[in-house]
Amino acid sequence: MSLHADAVTTLSSWRPAVTSQESLRQAFLGFLAARSDSCQRSCEAGHLTASAVVLDHTGTQVLLTLHPRVGRWLQLGGHCEPSDVSLAGAALREATEESGMAGLRISPEPVHLDVHPITCSLGVPTRHFDVRFAVHAPPGAAPVRSDESDDLRWWPADALPPGSEDLADLVKVAVPVGAGR
């Protein structure tokens, strides 16, 4: 199965609990139907990206990266690569590369969607259609900062760093019910 076909299948079967996420799901499916190149970063109209909300083994800490180009704390993730065959696989690859941690486990269904304008590697304004997954680190996992980050650290899921308030809804849907709360 191609990445595009996996994206259609994944988003067709996912049923978000929040109405605004259902509207985005429908928009993502419309974009996928209109553009066969929608999973390729070369698609100037916009392209799907894959993110990972990395939680510690207790589900109470979230790993965030201080993104060098954006200058703020974000979840791990990025562009899909030609070798990626699934959105979940792309998100897990990105999480592993950016966290330096082995043994990460990913939930197969997305937890959140987001569309945001950005000037990425294309050098022109575009949009990222970001599909976000929950990823769980094994006990004792220690992140190692990559060159894709200015900083990398665990934050309490209920006390995110200043300037990252827009991540609260994403973290809330990724944290397991009853995890340390």
Protein backbone atom coordinates (compact mmCIF):
# COMPACT_ATOMS: atom_id res chain seq x y z
CA MET A 1 0.00 0.00 0.00
CA SER A 2 1.29 3.48 -0.79
CA LEU A 3 1.57 6.24 1.80
CA HIS A 4 -1.26 8.11 0.06
CA ALA A 5 -3.53 5.02 0.22
CA ASP A 6 -2.61 4.49 3.88
CA ALA A 7 -3.46 8.13 4.66
CA VAL A 8 -6.88 7.75 3.01
CA THR A 9 -7.55 4.48 4.86
CA THR A 10 -6.29 5.83 8.21
CA LEU A 11 -8.33 9.03 8.05
CA SER A 12 -11.41 7.31 6.61
CA SER A 13 -11.63 4.90 9.53
CA TRP A 14 -10.67 7.33 12.33
CA ARG A 15 -13.57 8.84 14.27
CA PRO A 16 -12.51 11.83 16.38
CA ALA A 17 -14.48 12.64 19.50
CA VAL A 18 -14.49 16.40 18.85
CA THR A 19 -16.62 18.06 16.15
CA SER A 20 -13.86 20.45 15.06
CA GLN A 21 -11.56 17.46 14.51
CA GLU A 22 -14.25 15.78 12.38
CA SER A 23 -14.37 18.89 10.18
CA LEU A 24 -10.59 18.76 9.78
CA ARG A 25 -10.74 15.02 9.04
CA GLN A 26 -13.18 15.72 6.20
CA ALA A 27 -10.94 18.53 4.89
CA PHE A 28 -7.88 16.23 4.96
CA LEU A 29 -9.80 13.56 3.04
CA GLY A 30 -10.88 16.17 0.47
CA PHE A 31 -7.29 17.31 0.05
CA LEU A 32 -6.11 13.70 -0.35
CA ALA A 33 -8.82 13.11 -2.99
CA ALA A 34 -7.82 16.23 -4.91
CA ARG A 35 -4.05 15.74 -4.84
CA SER A 36 -2.30 12.45 -5.51
CA ASP A 37 0.94 14.15 -4.42
CA SER A 38 -0.47 15.39 -1.09
CA CYS A 39 1.91 13.19 0.96
CA GLN A 40 5.01 14.51 -0.82
CA ARG A 41 6.84 17.53 0.53
CA SER A 42 7.19 18.81 -3.05
CA CYS A 43 3.42 19.53 -3.13
CA GLU A 44 3.45 23.34 -2.92
CA ALA A 45 -0.29 23.57 -2.18
CA GLY A 46 0.44 21.80 1.09
CA HIS A 47 1.36 18.31 2.22
CA LEU A 48 0.67 15.80 4.96
CA THR A 49 3.15 15.62 7.81
CA ALA A 50 3.29 13.16 10.70
CA SER A 51 3.76 14.10 14.35
CA ALA A 52 4.23 12.21 17.58
CA VAL A 53 3.09 13.23 21.04
CA VAL A 54 5.75 11.28 22.95
CA LEU A 55 4.64 10.37 26.47
CA ASP A 56 6.74 8.76 29.17
CA HIS A 57 5.78 5.27 30.36
CA THR A 58 3.43 6.75 33.01
CA GLY A 59 1.62 8.97 30.51
CA THR A 60 2.16 12.02 32.72
CA GLN A 61 5.16 13.60 30.96
CA VAL A 62 5.32 14.78 27.34
CA LEU A 63 8.54 15.16 25.37
CA LEU A 64 8.78 18.46 23.51
CA THR A 65 11.43 19.87 21.19
CA LEU A 66 12.47 23.50 21.01
CA HIS A 67 12.21 23.87 17.24
CA PRO A 68 15.12 25.88 15.82
CA ARG A 69 13.23 27.53 12.94
CA VAL A 70 9.95 28.13 14.77
CA GLY A 71 11.58 29.12 18.08
CA ARG A 72 9.02 27.41 20.31
CA TRP A 73 8.29 24.10 22.01
CA LEU A 74 6.50 21.58 19.78
CA GLN A 75 5.73 17.88 19.55
CA LEU A 76 8.16 15.76 17.54
CA GLY A 77 7.44 15.13 13.87
CA GLY A 78 8.00 16.25 10.34
CA HIS A 79 7.79 15.48 6.67
CA CYS A 80 6.93 12.10 5.28
CA GLU A 81 9.78 10.47 3.35
CA PRO A 82 9.53 8.51 0.08
CA SER A 83 10.33 5.30 2.02
CA ASP A 84 7.38 5.79 4.43
CA VAL A 85 4.45 3.44 3.78
CA SER A 86 2.18 4.63 6.60
CA LEU A 87 1.46 7.83 8.50
CA ALA A 88 1.93 6.01 11.82
CA GLY A 89 5.26 4.68 10.57
CA ALA A 90 6.36 8.17 9.54
CA ALA A 91 5.40 9.57 12.95
CA LEU A 92 7.27 6.75 14.73
CA ARG A 93 10.34 7.26 12.52
CA GLU A 94 10.34 10.99 13.27
CA ALA A 95 9.88 10.38 17.01
CA THR A 96 12.75 7.89 17.08
CA GLU A 97 15.08 10.14 15.05
CA GLU A 98 14.30 13.29 17.01
CA SER A 99 14.24 11.73 20.49
CA GLY A 100 17.17 9.33 20.14
CA MET A 101 15.13 6.76 22.09
CA ALA A 102 14.66 3.14 21.10
CA GLY A 103 11.64 1.00 21.91
CA LEU A 104 8.96 3.64 21.31
CA ARG A 105 5.43 2.27 20.83
CA ILE A 106 2.86 4.07 18.69
CA SER A 107 -0.91 3.92 18.83
CA PRO A 108 -2.06 3.09 15.27
CA GLU A 109 -4.89 5.65 15.11
CA PRO A 110 -4.35 9.41 15.03
CA VAL A 111 -5.29 11.41 18.10
CA HIS A 112 -5.40 14.90 16.55
CA LEU A 113 -5.19 16.85 13.29
CA ASP A 114 -3.90 20.35 12.60
CA VAL A 115 -3.36 22.54 9.54
CA HIS A 116 -0.89 25.38 9.81
CA PRO A 117 0.78 27.74 7.36
CA ILE A 118 4.56 27.45 7.19
CA THR A 119 7.53 28.15 5.00
CA CYS A 120 9.33 24.82 5.14
CA SER A 121 12.08 23.28 3.03
CA LEU A 122 10.32 24.38 -0.18
CA GLY A 123 11.26 27.98 0.60
CA VAL A 124 7.76 29.17 -0.28
CA PRO A 125 4.68 29.57 1.91
CA THR A 126 2.72 26.32 2.12
CA ARG A 127 0.59 24.39 4.61
CA HIS A 128 1.29 21.36 6.75
CA PHE A 129 -1.65 18.98 7.13
CA ASP A 130 -0.35 17.42 10.32
CA VAL A 131 -1.59 14.00 11.43
CA ARG A 132 -0.70 13.44 15.09
CA PHE A 133 -0.24 10.14 16.92
CA ALA A 134 0.36 9.18 20.57
CA VAL A 135 3.70 7.48 21.19
CA HIS A 136 4.79 5.89 24.47
CA ALA A 137 8.38 5.63 25.67
CA PRO A 138 9.57 2.59 27.62
CA PRO A 139 10.47 2.93 31.33
CA GLY A 140 13.80 4.67 31.85
CA ALA A 141 13.97 6.09 28.32
CA ALA A 142 16.28 9.11 28.19
CA PRO A 143 15.97 11.46 25.21
CA VAL A 144 19.04 12.59 23.29
CA ARG A 145 18.81 15.89 21.45
CA SER A 146 19.40 15.70 17.70
CA ASP A 147 20.60 18.47 15.41
CA GLU A 148 16.92 19.07 14.53
CA SER A 149 16.34 20.62 17.96
CA ASP A 150 17.69 23.48 20.08
CA ASP A 151 16.51 21.65 23.22
CA LEU A 152 14.60 18.50 24.08
CA ARG A 153 12.97 17.79 27.43
CA TRP A 154 10.12 16.19 29.34
CA TRP A 155 7.34 18.46 30.55
CA PRO A 156 4.43 17.60 32.86
CA ALA A 157 1.43 16.95 30.59
CA ASP A 158 -0.61 19.36 32.72
CA ALA A 159 2.10 22.09 32.89
CA LEU A 160 3.36 22.79 29.37
CA PRO A 161 5.98 25.50 28.83
CA PRO A 162 4.90 29.11 28.26
CA GLY A 163 4.01 29.79 24.63
CA SER A 164 2.79 26.27 23.95
CA GLU A 165 -0.79 26.67 25.13
CA ASP A 166 -2.02 25.64 21.68
CA LEU A 167 -0.63 22.14 22.38
CA ALA A 168 -2.96 21.63 25.37
CA ASP A 169 -5.80 20.06 23.34
CA LEU A 170 -3.36 17.78 21.53
CA VAL A 171 -1.72 16.61 24.78
CA LYS A 172 -5.10 16.18 26.44
CA VAL A 173 -6.32 13.72 23.77
CA ALA A 174 -2.99 11.84 23.79
CA VAL A 175 -2.72 11.32 27.55
CA PRO A 176 -4.36 8.10 28.71
CA VAL A 177 -7.45 8.57 30.86
CA GLY A 178 -6.46 8.52 34.54
CA ALA A 179 -2.70 8.86 33.89
CA GLY A 180 -1.53 10.53 37.06
CA ARG A 181 -4.49 12.89 37.20
